[in-house]
Every structure is written in C-alpha cells, then in structure tokens.
Amino acid sequence: MGINVIIGYTLMFIGAFFFLLSAIGLLRLPDLYTRMQAATKSTTLGAISSIIGIGLMKEDILIKSIILATFIILTAPISGSALIRAGYKAKSPMTDKTVVDKFKEKEGE
C-alpha cells in the first residue's frame, strides 16, 4: 500500500465522519435554518474530503476530482443560502431560542 492510498482512505474516513455529523445535525437541530447550516457546511466538507480521497487513490482521476471538489466548494454554500432565503420568504418558523434575525434587520433598513 502506497502513501497515496493511506491518505486517500484517511480522507474518505474524514468525509464519512462529516456526513455522519450532517445527518445528526439534520435530526437534532430545531428549525429549518440551523438544519440547513448543518447540512450545507458538513456535507460540503464530507464530499470534498471523500472526492479528494478517491482522487488520491486513483491517480488517473485526480485532476477530475479536484475540479469536482472546486465546483462543490463554489456551489454548495450558495445553494444552501438560497434555500434558507426561500424558507424565510415562505415564513418558515424560527426556534424560540433565536436571538438575532439578520434578514428582518436588513429588510427594515
């Protein structure tokens, strides 16, 4: 086993861990906004780690996996923000523990 394979498996394990954190966040967090944040952030890190790990294990697809990881870095946070904004416009309720509503402050200006 080469060092690339060991690093690849390690990155895939880290990716699986972030996917697990995302699933726990989706089940445990109280409202749409916090769930989307958990899903967006940890799933992005999990996907990037897994894809780069696979690219290191299969060196012939390393460039393709780096391009794919870059695409995920650029699109996942933007799509998560768009979904959160749509949920806010649809008046999805916030948890009672919400202290600051930045969208409301911005619309009030």
Protein backbone atom coordinates (compact mmCIF):
# COMPACT_ATOMS: atom_id res chain seq x y z
CA MET A 1 0.00 0.00 0.00
CA GLY A 2 1.38 3.37 -1.01
CA ILE A 3 1.16 6.63 0.87
CA ASN A 4 -1.49 7.90 -1.56
CA VAL A 5 -3.78 5.02 -0.66
CA ILE A 6 -3.33 5.61 3.07
CA ILE A 7 -4.02 9.33 2.70
CA GLY A 8 -6.97 8.52 0.42
CA TYR A 9 -8.55 6.18 2.97
CA THR A 10 -7.93 8.74 5.72
CA LEU A 11 -9.68 11.46 3.72
CA MET A 12 -12.57 9.12 2.95
CA PHE A 13 -12.92 8.35 6.66
CA ILE A 14 -12.91 12.08 7.46
CA GLY A 15 -15.57 12.59 4.76
CA ALA A 16 -17.74 9.84 6.23
CA PHE A 17 -17.39 11.46 9.66
CA PHE A 18 -18.60 14.80 8.31
CA PHE A 19 -21.53 13.06 6.58
CA LEU A 20 -22.41 11.49 9.93
CA LEU A 21 -22.27 14.91 11.62
CA SER A 22 -24.56 16.27 8.92
CA ALA A 23 -27.09 13.50 9.48
CA ILE A 24 -27.04 14.05 13.24
CA GLY A 25 -27.49 17.80 12.69
CA LEU A 26 -30.49 17.22 10.44
CA LEU A 27 -32.12 15.05 13.08
CA ARG A 28 -31.27 17.05 16.19
CA LEU A 29 -31.41 20.74 15.27
CA PRO A 30 -34.69 22.58 15.90
CA ASP A 31 -35.56 24.58 12.77
CA LEU A 32 -35.00 24.88 9.03
CA TYR A 33 -32.26 27.47 9.32
CA THR A 34 -29.97 25.56 11.65
CA ARG A 35 -30.63 22.30 9.82
CA MET A 36 -29.66 23.83 6.50
CA GLN A 37 -26.48 25.23 8.00
CA ALA A 38 -25.52 21.81 9.34
CA ALA A 39 -26.38 20.13 6.06
CA THR A 40 -24.53 22.65 3.92
CA LYS A 41 -21.33 23.03 5.89
CA SER A 42 -20.64 19.47 6.95
CA THR A 43 -21.87 17.84 3.75
CA THR A 44 -19.62 20.14 1.72
CA LEU A 45 -16.60 19.17 3.82
CA GLY A 46 -17.58 15.50 3.68
CA ALA A 47 -17.98 15.50 -0.09
CA ILE A 48 -14.72 17.35 -0.67
CA SER A 49 -12.78 15.01 1.61
CA SER A 50 -14.26 11.90 0.03
CA ILE A 51 -13.77 13.07 -3.54
CA ILE A 52 -10.17 14.13 -2.99
CA GLY A 53 -9.51 10.84 -1.16
CA ILE A 54 -10.82 8.85 -4.10
CA GLY A 55 -8.75 11.00 -6.45
CA LEU A 56 -5.61 10.24 -4.47
CA MET A 57 -6.32 6.51 -4.53
CA LYS A 58 -7.00 6.52 -8.28
CA GLU A 59 -4.35 8.89 -9.62
CA ASP A 60 -5.76 8.85 -13.16
CA ILE A 61 -8.86 10.76 -11.95
CA LEU A 62 -7.12 13.12 -9.53
CA ILE A 63 -7.50 16.20 -11.76
CA LYS A 64 -11.18 15.44 -12.33
CA SER A 65 -11.76 15.03 -8.60
CA ILE A 66 -10.05 18.35 -7.85
CA ILE A 67 -12.26 20.08 -10.44
CA LEU A 68 -15.34 18.43 -8.95
CA ALA A 69 -14.33 19.45 -5.42
CA THR A 70 -13.83 23.04 -6.60
CA PHE A 71 -17.29 23.00 -8.16
CA ILE A 72 -18.79 21.77 -4.87
CA ILE A 73 -16.93 24.47 -2.91
CA LEU A 74 -18.38 27.13 -5.20
CA THR A 75 -21.97 25.89 -5.45
CA ALA A 76 -22.98 24.21 -2.18
CA PRO A 77 -22.86 27.26 0.12
CA ILE A 78 -24.69 29.40 -2.44
CA SER A 79 -27.47 26.84 -2.90
CA GLY A 80 -27.79 26.46 0.87
CA SER A 81 -28.14 30.21 1.28
CA ALA A 82 -30.76 30.33 -1.48
CA LEU A 83 -32.77 27.57 0.21
CA ILE A 84 -32.59 29.34 3.57
CA ARG A 85 -33.73 32.59 1.95
CA ALA A 86 -36.64 30.79 0.29
CA GLY A 87 -37.62 29.28 3.64
CA TYR A 88 -37.53 32.73 5.22
CA LYS A 89 -39.69 34.22 2.45
CA ALA A 90 -42.14 31.33 2.94
CA LYS A 91 -42.27 32.31 6.65
CA SER A 92 -40.80 29.10 7.99
CA PRO A 93 -40.88 29.44 11.78
CA MET A 94 -37.70 30.02 13.74
CA THR A 95 -36.97 28.36 17.04
CA ASP A 96 -37.82 30.25 20.22
CA LYS A 97 -34.12 30.43 21.04
CA THR A 98 -33.38 32.68 18.04
CA VAL A 99 -31.99 35.97 19.32
CA VAL A 100 -31.00 37.86 16.16
CA ASP A 101 -32.90 37.96 12.87
CA LYS A 102 -30.49 39.48 10.32
CA PHE A 103 -32.97 39.15 7.43
CA LYS A 104 -35.57 41.17 9.30
CA GLU A 105 -33.00 43.83 10.20
CA LYS A 106 -31.90 44.09 6.57
CA GLU A 107 -35.48 44.41 5.27
CA GLY A 108 -36.21 47.10 7.88
CA GLU A 109 -33.49 49.43 6.53
